[in-house]
């Protein structure tokens, strides 16, 4: 990612950033789903 920044190649940087955000979001959703304690 830093090499792409140094070469001013912003397209792949944007794709990598969005992909990393999506993976993080999915992981958080899965963790919340499996660790959420239901009140009943």
PDB file of N, CA and C in Angstrom:
ATOM      1  N   UNK A   1       0.825  -1.184   0.000  1.00  0.00           N
ATOM      2  CA  UNK A   1       0.000   0.000   0.000  1.00  0.00           C
ATOM      3  C   UNK A   1       0.877   1.259   0.000  1.00  0.00           C
ATOM      4  N   UNK A   2       1.945   1.223   0.772  1.00  0.00           N
ATOM      5  CA  UNK A   2       2.831   2.387   0.817  1.00  0.00           C
ATOM      6  C   UNK A   2       3.570   2.557  -0.505  1.00  0.00           C
ATOM      7  N   UNK A   3       3.915   1.446  -1.164  1.00  0.00           N
ATOM      8  CA  UNK A   3       4.568   1.534  -2.468  1.00  0.00           C
ATOM      9  C   UNK A   3       3.634   2.162  -3.496  1.00  0.00           C
ATOM     10  N   UNK A   4       2.348   1.802  -3.436  1.00  0.00           N
ATOM     11  CA  UNK A   4       1.385   2.398  -4.358  1.00  0.00           C
ATOM     12  C   UNK A   4       1.251   3.893  -4.111  1.00  0.00           C
ATOM     13  N   UNK A   5       1.301   4.284  -2.845  1.00  0.00           N
ATOM     14  CA  UNK A   5       1.190   5.713  -2.516  1.00  0.00           C
ATOM     15  C   UNK A   5       2.374   6.494  -3.069  1.00  0.00           C
ATOM     16  N   UNK A   6       3.545   5.901  -2.951  1.00  0.00           N
ATOM     17  CA  UNK A   6       4.736   6.589  -3.445  1.00  0.00           C
ATOM     18  C   UNK A   6       4.707   6.758  -4.959  1.00  0.00           C
ATOM     19  N   UNK A   7       4.035   5.843  -5.660  1.00  0.00           N
ATOM     20  CA  UNK A   7       3.961   5.955  -7.111  1.00  0.00           C
ATOM     21  C   UNK A   7       2.707   6.718  -7.554  1.00  0.00           C
ATOM     22  N   UNK A   8       1.974   7.290  -6.586  1.00  0.00           N
ATOM     23  CA  UNK A   8       0.756   8.061  -6.860  1.00  0.00           C
ATOM     24  C   UNK A   8      -0.277   7.268  -7.645  1.00  0.00           C
ATOM     25  N   UNK A   9      -0.420   5.999  -7.298  1.00  0.00           N
ATOM     26  CA  UNK A   9      -1.388   5.123  -7.950  1.00  0.00           C
ATOM     27  C   UNK A   9      -2.596   4.982  -7.022  1.00  0.00           C
ATOM     28  N   UNK A  10      -3.531   5.926  -7.111  1.00  0.00           N
ATOM     29  CA  UNK A  10      -4.606   6.038  -6.132  1.00  0.00           C
ATOM     30  C   UNK A  10      -5.744   5.045  -6.353  1.00  0.00           C
ATOM     31  N   UNK A  11      -5.930   4.546  -7.564  1.00  0.00           N
ATOM     32  CA  UNK A  11      -7.010   3.593  -7.839  1.00  0.00           C
ATOM     33  C   UNK A  11      -6.884   2.319  -7.019  1.00  0.00           C
ATOM     34  N   UNK A  12      -5.752   1.611  -7.107  1.00  0.00           N
ATOM     35  CA  UNK A  12      -5.584   0.395  -6.304  1.00  0.00           C
ATOM     36  C   UNK A  12      -5.610   0.667  -4.798  1.00  0.00           C
ATOM     37  N   UNK A  13      -5.143   1.830  -4.389  1.00  0.00           N
ATOM     38  CA  UNK A  13      -5.198   2.171  -2.963  1.00  0.00           C
ATOM     39  C   UNK A  13      -6.651   2.244  -2.513  1.00  0.00           C
ATOM     40  N   UNK A  14      -7.509   2.856  -3.324  1.00  0.00           N
ATOM     41  CA  UNK A  14      -8.924   2.961  -2.977  1.00  0.00           C
ATOM     42  C   UNK A  14      -9.570   1.581  -2.918  1.00  0.00           C
ATOM     43  N   UNK A  15      -9.237   0.721  -3.881  1.00  0.00           N
ATOM     44  CA  UNK A  15      -9.805  -0.629  -3.898  1.00  0.00           C
ATOM     45  C   UNK A  15      -9.358  -1.408  -2.663  1.00  0.00           C
ATOM     46  N   UNK A  16      -8.087  -1.327  -2.317  1.00  0.00           N
ATOM     47  CA  UNK A  16      -7.587  -2.026  -1.131  1.00  0.00           C
ATOM     48  C   UNK A  16      -8.243  -1.495   0.144  1.00  0.00           C
ATOM     49  N   UNK A  17      -8.409  -0.191   0.223  1.00  0.00           N
ATOM     50  CA  UNK A  17      -9.005   0.411   1.411  1.00  0.00           C
ATOM     51  C   UNK A  17     -10.450  -0.032   1.590  1.00  0.00           C
ATOM     52  N   UNK A  18     -11.221   0.004   0.506  1.00  0.00           N
ATOM     53  CA  UNK A  18     -12.624  -0.403   0.586  1.00  0.00           C
ATOM     54  C   UNK A  18     -12.721  -1.891   0.920  1.00  0.00           C
ATOM     55  N   UNK A  19     -11.847  -2.705   0.344  1.00  0.00           N
ATOM     56  CA  UNK A  19     -11.848  -4.140   0.637  1.00  0.00           C
ATOM     57  C   UNK A  19     -11.532  -4.398   2.104  1.00  0.00           C
ATOM     58  N   UNK A  20     -10.538  -3.695   2.631  1.00  0.00           N
ATOM     59  CA  UNK A  20     -10.184  -3.875   4.038  1.00  0.00           C
ATOM     60  C   UNK A  20     -11.326  -3.429   4.947  1.00  0.00           C
ATOM     61  N   UNK A  21     -12.006  -2.336   4.606  1.00  0.00           N
ATOM     62  CA  UNK A  21     -13.154  -1.891   5.395  1.00  0.00           C
ATOM     63  C   UNK A  21     -14.280  -2.917   5.354  1.00  0.00           C
ATOM     64  N   UNK A  22     -14.540  -3.488   4.184  1.00  0.00           N
ATOM     65  CA  UNK A  22     -15.604  -4.484   4.053  1.00  0.00           C
ATOM     66  C   UNK A  22     -15.289  -5.732   4.871  1.00  0.00           C
ATOM     67  N   UNK A  23     -14.048  -6.197   4.824  1.00  0.00           N
ATOM     68  CA  UNK A  23     -13.657  -7.372   5.604  1.00  0.00           C
ATOM     69  C   UNK A  23     -13.806  -7.089   7.085  1.00  0.00           C
ATOM     70  N   UNK A  24     -13.370  -5.916   7.526  1.00  0.00           N
ATOM     71  CA  UNK A  24     -13.493  -5.552   8.939  1.00  0.00           C
ATOM     72  C   UNK A  24     -14.954  -5.492   9.362  1.00  0.00           C
ATOM     73  N   UNK A  25     -15.807  -4.895   8.528  1.00  0.00           N
ATOM     74  CA  UNK A  25     -17.231  -4.799   8.834  1.00  0.00           C
ATOM     75  C   UNK A  25     -17.857  -6.185   8.964  1.00  0.00           C
ATOM     76  N   UNK A  26     -17.535  -7.084   8.039  1.00  0.00           N
ATOM     77  CA  UNK A  26     -18.088  -8.442   8.086  1.00  0.00           C
ATOM     78  C   UNK A  26     -17.611  -9.169   9.331  1.00  0.00           C
ATOM     79  N   UNK A  27     -16.348  -9.035   9.677  1.00  0.00           N
ATOM     80  CA  UNK A  27     -15.830  -9.698  10.879  1.00  0.00           C
ATOM     81  C   UNK A  27     -16.515  -9.176  12.135  1.00  0.00           C
ATOM     82  N   UNK A  28     -16.728  -7.880  12.228  1.00  0.00           N
ATOM     83  CA  UNK A  28     -17.407  -7.312  13.392  1.00  0.00           C
ATOM     84  C   UNK A  28     -18.839  -7.818  13.478  1.00  0.00           C
ATOM     85  N   UNK A  29     -19.527  -7.882  12.335  1.00  0.00           N
ATOM     86  CA  UNK A  29     -20.898  -8.395  12.331  1.00  0.00           C
ATOM     87  C   UNK A  29     -20.945  -9.848  12.788  1.00  0.00           C
ATOM     88  N   UNK A  30     -20.008 -10.667  12.325  1.00  0.00           N
ATOM     89  CA  UNK A  30     -19.973 -12.074  12.729  1.00  0.00           C
ATOM     90  C   UNK A  30     -19.670 -12.223  14.216  1.00  0.00           C
ATOM     91  N   UNK A  31     -18.733 -11.440  14.705  1.00  0.00           N
ATOM     92  CA  UNK A  31     -18.392 -11.502  16.129  1.00  0.00           C
ATOM     93  C   UNK A  31     -19.593 -11.088  16.967  1.00  0.00           C
ATOM     94  N   UNK A  32     -20.268 -10.017  16.569  1.00  0.00           N
ATOM     95  CA  UNK A  32     -21.452  -9.576  17.309  1.00  0.00           C
ATOM     96  C   UNK A  32     -22.550 -10.628  17.273  1.00  0.00           C
ATOM     97  N   UNK A  33     -22.713 -11.276  16.142  1.00  0.00           N
ATOM     98  CA  UNK A  33     -23.776 -12.275  16.010  1.00  0.00           C
ATOM     99  C   UNK A  33     -23.530 -13.474  16.915  1.00  0.00           C
ATOM    100  N   UNK A  34     -22.289 -13.932  17.006  1.00  0.00           N
ATOM    101  CA  UNK A  34     -21.993 -15.141  17.773  1.00  0.00           C
ATOM    102  C   UNK A  34     -21.714 -14.880  19.241  1.00  0.00           C
ATOM    103  N   UNK A  35     -21.444 -13.629  19.606  1.00  0.00           N
ATOM    104  CA  UNK A  35     -21.172 -13.347  21.013  1.00  0.00           C
ATOM    105  C   UNK A  35     -22.281 -12.579  21.688  1.00  0.00           C
ATOM    106  N   UNK A  36     -23.309 -12.198  20.937  1.00  0.00           N
ATOM    107  CA  UNK A  36     -24.421 -11.435  21.513  1.00  0.00           C
ATOM    108  C   UNK A  36     -25.244 -12.323  22.435  1.00  0.00           C
ATOM    109  N   UNK A  37     -25.395 -11.898  23.661  1.00  0.00           N
ATOM    110  CA  UNK A  37     -26.185 -12.665  24.625  1.00  0.00           C
ATOM    111  C   UNK A  37     -27.632 -12.229  24.565  1.00  0.00           C
ATOM    112  N   UNK A  38     -28.474 -13.197  24.346  1.00  0.00           N
ATOM    113  CA  UNK A  38     -29.900 -12.878  24.249  1.00  0.00           C
ATOM    114  C   UNK A  38     -30.528 -12.873  25.627  1.00  0.00           C
ATOM    115  N   UNK A  39     -31.417 -11.914  25.848  1.00  0.00           N
ATOM    116  CA  UNK A  39     -32.089 -11.788  27.127  1.00  0.00           C
ATOM    117  C   UNK A  39     -33.429 -12.502  27.017  1.00  0.00           C
ATOM    118  N   UNK A  40     -33.607 -13.556  27.848  1.00  0.00           N
ATOM    119  CA  UNK A  40     -34.891 -14.265  27.836  1.00  0.00           C
ATOM    120  C   UNK A  40     -35.004 -15.058  29.105  1.00  0.00           C
TER     121      UNK A  40
END
